Amino acid sequence: MTFDQIVGQDHIKEALVTAMEKGKVSHAYLFTGPEGIGKRSLARAFAGILLCRDGKSGMPCGVCRPCVTLAQGTCPDYREINPSRQESIGIDEVRELQADIIVRPLYSMRKVYLIADGDRMTPQAQNCLLKVLEEPPSYAVIIITSSNPEALLETVRSRVLRYGLKRNTEEELRSFLEKRLGKARGDIDFIASCADGLTGKALALAESSKLHSLRDMVFDLLARLPRADVKEMLDIQSFFEDSKGDISTVLDIMSLFYRDVLVVKNASGAKRLINADKKDIILGAATFLSTSKLIDNIETIERARQQLKANAGYQLVVDLMLMKIREE
């Protein structure tokens, strides 16, 4: 993993490279941002630059011993504390770091430690780490990632250099997905729009067979909803009952459907269809939905989303949303 493989975050990458070039590398960093934004990938890429003996302009050389062993996962000058989702980071793991950090680097000029999900350190572990942060060896760099930095002790946060990762633009995600999945894949625009600026979420959506079946079902019910009879309405309500755990994604799909119909309706050639692979369904909907009705539907969906976030009754919110969308 190198900086050129990291999506966006140019402001951080430039700051880190500049600090290296000026010999002003900090002893400790904190990378923050929402889950799935790419904090760990950025930390690993930065570690590769820090450990490389011959890299230039923020790019590791790839051939020196630190680079080769890092790629093989055997670099003695790099260690990760990487908990599973159910685990916390205890004091014993930080004590192991303490014992290792006093040993000088073997292959590189530095030793780098990555503590992923650092907010999951227990208070005892954080206090133990604090001793390292107060008097670190000159060759050591500690990188902490966190989606919840406020869970870190103030004494820890005050001793690290903090960088907040920003959500990526849809264009950045689209480019990233095209490189990873190939331009021929028809749902890249849809995934980029649903991923909320998160590379991790984009990849998860791309690999999810459930997403595609959900989208097919939502498109089908939206096409039928305006003229649905009693039996069809019961089927649609049953779908929403079964999709309670995926309601955020379902609402995204609905909103993007009406957005595309609105684009077609207004012949907005400057805007591309997010669901380009579903163009026939979108064109069909454009024949009987007015511009004002499309705008009303999008607003209705967003209102339902906010009501659900405020813990309003699920079934009532969904029923009112469907009734409003079905109105002429």
Protein backbone atom coordinates (compact mmCIF):
# COMPACT_ATOMS: atom_id res chain seq x y z
CA MET A 1 0.00 0.00 0.00
CA THR A 2 1.41 3.39 -1.06
CA PHE A 3 0.09 6.95 -0.93
CA ASP A 4 -0.85 6.91 -4.63
CA GLN A 5 -3.22 4.00 -3.87
CA ILE A 6 -5.03 5.97 -1.14
CA VAL A 7 -8.24 7.61 -2.36
CA GLY A 8 -8.36 11.36 -1.68
CA GLN A 9 -6.91 12.72 1.59
CA ASP A 10 -4.42 14.81 -0.42
CA HIS A 11 -4.19 17.43 2.35
CA ILE A 12 -2.94 14.80 4.80
CA LYS A 13 -0.62 13.02 2.39
CA GLU A 14 1.02 16.30 1.41
CA ALA A 15 1.46 17.33 5.05
CA LEU A 16 3.06 13.99 5.97
CA VAL A 17 5.44 14.01 3.00
CA THR A 18 6.43 17.63 3.70
CA ALA A 19 7.17 16.78 7.34
CA MET A 20 9.40 13.91 6.24
CA GLU A 21 11.26 16.04 3.73
CA LYS A 22 11.89 18.69 6.40
CA GLY A 23 12.92 16.12 9.00
CA LYS A 24 9.98 17.00 11.22
CA VAL A 25 8.33 13.61 11.67
CA SER A 26 6.32 13.48 14.90
CA HIS A 27 6.79 10.69 17.43
CA ALA A 28 3.03 9.96 17.44
CA TYR A 29 0.05 10.46 15.12
CA LEU A 30 -3.71 10.07 15.46
CA PHE A 31 -5.72 9.44 12.27
CA THR A 32 -9.44 9.98 12.84
CA GLY A 33 -12.54 9.63 10.70
CA PRO A 34 -15.66 7.50 10.24
CA GLU A 35 -15.50 3.72 9.98
CA GLY A 36 -14.51 2.68 6.45
CA ILE A 37 -12.84 5.96 5.44
CA GLY A 38 -9.40 4.33 5.05
CA LYS A 39 -7.55 5.30 8.24
CA ARG A 40 -5.74 1.99 8.52
CA SER A 41 -4.73 1.98 4.86
CA LEU A 42 -3.33 5.50 5.19
CA ALA A 43 -1.44 4.51 8.34
CA ARG A 44 0.08 1.46 6.64
CA ALA A 45 1.09 3.51 3.61
CA PHE A 46 2.72 6.11 5.87
CA ALA A 47 4.52 3.34 7.76
CA GLY A 48 5.96 2.10 4.48
CA ILE A 49 7.40 5.53 3.72
CA LEU A 50 8.80 5.92 7.23
CA LEU A 51 10.56 2.56 7.13
CA CYS A 52 11.98 2.77 3.59
CA ARG A 53 15.69 3.58 3.42
CA ASP A 54 15.79 4.90 -0.16
CA GLY A 55 12.34 6.31 -0.97
CA LYS A 56 11.81 9.74 -2.51
CA SER A 57 8.89 12.21 -2.63
CA GLY A 58 6.62 10.10 -0.51
CA MET A 59 7.16 6.88 -2.44
CA PRO A 60 8.93 3.86 -0.89
CA CYS A 61 11.56 2.31 -3.15
CA GLY A 62 10.09 -1.19 -2.87
CA VAL A 63 13.48 -2.93 -3.05
CA CYS A 64 15.34 -2.10 0.17
CA ARG A 65 15.23 -4.65 2.97
CA PRO A 66 12.62 -2.80 5.07
CA CYS A 67 10.34 -2.50 2.00
CA VAL A 68 10.73 -6.16 1.03
CA THR A 69 10.19 -7.52 4.53
CA LEU A 70 7.25 -5.17 5.12
CA ALA A 71 5.57 -6.48 1.96
CA GLN A 72 6.19 -10.02 3.18
CA GLY A 73 4.76 -9.23 6.61
CA THR A 74 8.05 -10.04 8.36
CA CYS A 75 9.57 -6.60 8.98
CA PRO A 76 10.96 -6.60 12.56
CA ASP A 77 10.75 -2.80 12.67
CA TYR A 78 6.97 -2.69 12.19
CA ARG A 79 4.24 -3.97 14.49
CA GLU A 80 0.45 -3.70 14.58
CA ILE A 81 -2.01 -3.95 17.41
CA ASN A 82 -5.12 -4.84 15.47
CA PRO A 83 -8.10 -6.01 17.58
CA SER A 84 -11.07 -7.95 16.27
CA ARG A 85 -14.49 -6.28 16.48
CA GLN A 86 -15.33 -7.88 19.82
CA GLU A 87 -12.04 -7.24 21.56
CA SER A 88 -10.64 -4.36 23.54
CA ILE A 89 -6.92 -3.56 23.65
CA GLY A 90 -5.59 -4.46 27.07
CA ILE A 91 -2.60 -3.40 29.09
CA ASP A 92 -0.62 -6.55 28.24
CA GLU A 93 -0.53 -5.65 24.54
CA VAL A 94 0.73 -2.15 25.30
CA ARG A 95 3.35 -3.57 27.68
CA GLU A 96 4.60 -5.75 24.81
CA LEU A 97 4.94 -2.58 22.75
CA GLN A 98 6.85 -0.97 25.63
CA ALA A 99 9.27 -3.87 25.80
CA ASP A 100 9.83 -3.90 22.04
CA ILE A 101 10.18 -0.17 21.50
CA ILE A 102 13.39 0.08 23.52
CA VAL A 103 15.13 -2.30 21.09
CA ARG A 104 16.72 -0.31 18.29
CA PRO A 105 15.53 -0.90 14.69
CA LEU A 106 17.16 -3.77 12.81
CA TYR A 107 16.78 -2.91 9.12
CA SER A 108 15.34 0.61 9.02
CA MET A 109 16.24 3.94 10.60
CA ARG A 110 12.90 3.85 12.43
CA LYS A 111 10.48 1.56 14.20
CA VAL A 112 6.78 2.07 13.50
CA TYR A 113 3.84 0.90 15.60
CA LEU A 114 0.25 0.98 14.39
CA ILE A 115 -2.52 0.81 17.01
CA ALA A 116 -5.73 0.30 15.02
CA ASP A 117 -9.02 1.30 16.65
CA GLY A 118 -7.09 2.93 19.47
CA ASP A 119 -10.29 4.07 21.17
CA ARG A 120 -10.75 0.43 22.17
CA MET A 121 -7.78 0.59 24.51
CA THR A 122 -8.81 0.17 28.12
CA PRO A 123 -8.05 3.12 30.44
CA GLN A 124 -5.22 1.04 31.95
CA ALA A 125 -3.77 0.40 28.49
CA GLN A 126 -3.99 4.08 27.61
CA ASN A 127 -2.21 5.09 30.80
CA CYS A 128 0.49 2.54 30.01
CA LEU A 129 0.85 3.96 26.48
CA LEU A 130 1.08 7.45 27.95
CA LYS A 131 4.46 6.57 29.48
CA VAL A 132 5.77 5.75 25.98
CA LEU A 133 4.29 8.90 24.46
CA GLU A 134 5.92 11.07 27.13
CA GLU A 135 9.46 9.75 26.54
CA PRO A 136 9.60 7.96 23.18
CA PRO A 137 12.89 6.80 21.64
CA SER A 138 14.00 9.14 18.85
CA TYR A 139 13.62 6.42 16.21
CA ALA A 140 10.06 5.37 17.16
CA VAL A 141 6.80 6.49 15.53
CA ILE A 142 3.41 5.44 16.91
CA ILE A 143 0.31 5.75 14.70
CA ILE A 144 -3.13 5.43 16.28
CA THR A 145 -6.35 5.19 14.25
CA SER A 146 -9.76 5.92 15.74
CA SER A 147 -13.38 6.38 14.69
CA ASN A 148 -14.17 7.65 18.18
CA PRO A 149 -11.23 9.79 19.32
CA GLU A 150 -13.19 11.25 22.24
CA ALA A 151 -12.92 7.80 23.87
CA LEU A 152 -9.16 8.38 24.15
CA LEU A 153 -7.90 10.04 27.30
CA GLU A 154 -7.23 13.74 26.94
CA THR A 155 -3.66 13.11 28.12
CA VAL A 156 -3.17 10.74 25.17
CA ARG A 157 -4.82 13.07 22.63
CA SER A 158 -2.66 15.97 23.75
CA ARG A 159 0.54 14.06 22.96
CA VAL A 160 -0.20 13.08 19.36
CA LEU A 161 -0.42 14.97 16.08
CA ARG A 162 -4.00 14.60 14.87
CA TYR A 163 -5.23 14.37 11.27
CA GLY A 164 -8.92 14.02 10.39
CA LEU A 165 -9.73 12.13 7.21
CA LYS A 166 -12.44 13.67 5.02
CA ARG A 167 -15.15 11.77 3.20
CA ASN A 168 -14.32 11.21 -0.45
CA THR A 169 -16.27 12.76 -3.30
CA GLU A 170 -18.40 10.56 -5.54
CA GLU A 171 -15.95 11.22 -8.37
CA GLU A 172 -13.03 10.02 -6.24
CA LEU A 173 -14.95 6.86 -5.29
CA ARG A 174 -16.00 6.29 -8.91
CA SER A 175 -12.39 6.48 -10.07
CA PHE A 176 -11.30 4.17 -7.24
CA LEU A 177 -13.98 1.60 -8.08
CA GLU A 178 -13.20 1.70 -11.80
CA LYS A 179 -9.57 0.88 -11.05
CA ARG A 180 -10.51 -1.93 -8.67
CA LEU A 181 -13.49 -3.41 -10.52
CA GLY A 182 -13.07 -2.33 -14.14
CA LYS A 183 -14.98 0.33 -16.07
CA ALA A 184 -17.29 -2.23 -17.65
CA ARG A 185 -19.20 -2.83 -14.42
CA GLY A 186 -22.57 -1.15 -14.79
CA ASP A 187 -23.37 -0.27 -11.17
CA ILE A 188 -20.28 1.76 -10.25
CA ASP A 189 -22.14 5.11 -10.23
CA PHE A 190 -24.82 3.61 -8.01
CA ILE A 191 -22.28 2.21 -5.53
CA ALA A 192 -20.31 5.47 -5.43
CA SER A 193 -23.52 7.36 -4.64
CA CYS A 194 -24.55 4.97 -1.86
CA ALA A 195 -21.13 4.69 -0.22
CA ASP A 196 -21.40 7.98 1.69
CA GLY A 197 -17.83 8.96 0.80
CA LEU A 198 -16.32 5.83 2.40
CA THR A 199 -13.97 3.55 0.46
CA GLY A 200 -14.56 0.67 2.85
CA LYS A 201 -18.32 0.92 2.40
CA ALA A 202 -17.91 1.20 -1.37
CA LEU A 203 -15.96 -2.06 -1.51
CA ALA A 204 -18.42 -3.79 0.81
CA LEU A 205 -21.32 -2.68 -1.37
CA ALA A 206 -19.51 -3.80 -4.52
CA GLU A 207 -19.02 -7.27 -3.05
CA SER A 208 -22.54 -7.55 -1.67
CA SER A 209 -24.92 -9.77 -3.61
CA LYS A 210 -27.68 -8.61 -1.26
CA LEU A 211 -27.35 -5.00 -2.44
CA HIS A 212 -28.10 -5.95 -6.02
CA SER A 213 -31.13 -8.06 -5.14
CA LEU A 214 -32.37 -5.21 -2.89
CA ARG A 215 -32.04 -2.72 -5.71
CA ASP A 216 -33.91 -5.01 -8.12
CA MET A 217 -36.76 -5.42 -5.63
CA VAL A 218 -36.95 -1.69 -4.78
CA PHE A 219 -37.02 -0.70 -8.45
CA ASP A 220 -39.77 -3.23 -9.09
CA LEU A 221 -41.95 -2.02 -6.21
CA LEU A 222 -41.45 1.66 -7.12
CA ALA A 223 -42.52 0.92 -10.68
CA ARG A 224 -45.67 -0.83 -9.37
CA LEU A 225 -46.47 1.45 -6.41
CA PRO A 226 -48.48 4.22 -8.17
CA ARG A 227 -51.01 1.69 -9.57
CA ALA A 228 -50.71 -1.04 -6.93
CA ASP A 229 -53.90 -2.90 -5.98
CA VAL A 230 -54.63 -4.17 -2.48
CA LYS A 231 -52.66 -7.40 -2.91
CA GLU A 232 -49.63 -5.57 -4.33
CA MET A 233 -49.71 -3.07 -1.46
CA LEU A 234 -49.64 -5.93 1.02
CA ASP A 235 -46.62 -7.37 -0.81
CA ILE A 236 -44.89 -3.97 -0.72
CA GLN A 237 -45.59 -3.52 2.99
CA SER A 238 -44.30 -7.05 3.62
CA PHE A 239 -41.08 -6.16 1.79
CA PHE A 240 -40.52 -3.18 4.09
CA GLU A 241 -41.21 -5.29 7.16
CA ASP A 242 -38.55 -7.77 6.02
CA SER A 243 -36.12 -4.97 5.15
CA LYS A 244 -36.12 -3.13 8.47
CA GLY A 245 -32.43 -3.89 9.04
CA ASP A 246 -31.55 -2.50 5.60
CA ILE A 247 -33.91 0.47 5.60
CA SER A 248 -31.14 3.06 5.22
CA THR A 249 -29.94 1.37 2.03
CA VAL A 250 -33.53 0.93 0.79
CA LEU A 251 -34.19 4.65 1.26
CA ASP A 252 -30.94 5.46 -0.57
CA ILE A 253 -32.05 3.31 -3.51
CA MET A 254 -35.49 4.94 -3.58
CA SER A 255 -34.08 8.46 -3.46
CA LEU A 256 -31.56 7.74 -6.22
CA PHE A 257 -34.30 6.18 -8.37
CA TYR A 258 -36.41 9.33 -8.24
CA ARG A 259 -33.32 11.48 -8.75
CA ASP A 260 -32.58 9.64 -12.01
CA VAL A 261 -36.19 9.92 -13.18
CA LEU A 262 -35.96 13.67 -12.48
CA VAL A 263 -32.79 13.89 -14.57
CA VAL A 264 -34.50 12.13 -17.50
CA LYS A 265 -37.66 14.20 -17.08
CA ASN A 266 -35.76 17.45 -17.37
CA ALA A 267 -33.42 16.23 -20.11
CA SER A 268 -30.43 17.23 -17.99
CA GLY A 269 -27.66 15.98 -20.24
CA ALA A 270 -25.02 17.48 -17.94
CA LYS A 271 -25.94 14.95 -15.25
CA ARG A 272 -25.27 11.24 -15.65
CA LEU A 273 -27.70 8.58 -14.50
CA ILE A 274 -26.62 6.94 -11.28
CA ASN A 275 -28.60 3.83 -12.22
CA ALA A 276 -27.59 3.81 -15.86
CA ASP A 277 -27.95 0.03 -16.04
CA LYS A 278 -31.65 0.44 -15.13
CA LYS A 279 -32.38 3.07 -17.76
CA ASP A 280 -35.44 1.33 -19.25
CA ILE A 281 -37.25 1.29 -15.88
CA ILE A 282 -36.31 4.92 -15.27
CA LEU A 283 -37.59 6.01 -18.70
CA GLY A 284 -40.84 4.18 -18.05
CA ALA A 285 -41.36 5.97 -14.73
CA ALA A 286 -40.64 9.34 -16.38
CA THR A 287 -43.72 8.94 -18.60
CA PHE A 288 -46.22 9.18 -15.73
CA LEU A 289 -44.42 11.07 -12.91
CA SER A 290 -44.39 14.87 -13.02
CA THR A 291 -41.41 16.96 -11.98
CA SER A 292 -43.23 18.32 -8.94
CA LYS A 293 -44.28 14.80 -7.89
CA LEU A 294 -40.68 13.55 -8.18
CA ILE A 295 -39.44 16.38 -5.98
CA ASP A 296 -42.22 15.65 -3.46
CA ASN A 297 -41.25 11.96 -3.40
CA ILE A 298 -37.59 12.70 -2.74
CA GLU A 299 -38.55 15.07 0.09
CA THR A 300 -40.96 12.44 1.49
CA ILE A 301 -38.18 9.83 1.58
CA GLU A 302 -35.76 12.18 3.30
CA ARG A 303 -38.42 13.15 5.84
CA ALA A 304 -39.01 9.46 6.59
CA ARG A 305 -35.25 8.98 7.02
CA GLN A 306 -35.07 11.77 9.58
CA GLN A 307 -38.11 10.46 11.45
CA LEU A 308 -36.55 7.00 11.70
CA LYS A 309 -33.31 8.52 12.98
CA ALA A 310 -35.39 10.23 15.66
CA ASN A 311 -36.74 6.76 16.65
CA ALA A 312 -40.26 7.30 15.36
CA GLY A 313 -42.36 4.13 14.97
CA TYR A 314 -41.01 2.18 12.00
CA GLN A 315 -44.26 0.83 10.59
CA LEU A 316 -46.10 4.14 10.91
CA VAL A 317 -43.28 6.07 9.19
CA VAL A 318 -43.07 3.55 6.34
CA ASP A 319 -46.84 3.41 5.83
CA LEU A 320 -47.12 7.22 5.73
CA MET A 321 -44.19 7.41 3.29
CA LEU A 322 -45.74 4.86 0.95
CA MET A 323 -49.14 6.56 1.13
CA LYS A 324 -47.61 9.94 0.32
CA ILE A 325 -45.58 8.55 -2.59
CA ARG A 326 -48.68 6.77 -3.96
CA GLU A 327 -50.79 9.94 -3.95
CA GLU A 328 -51.54 11.44 -7.34
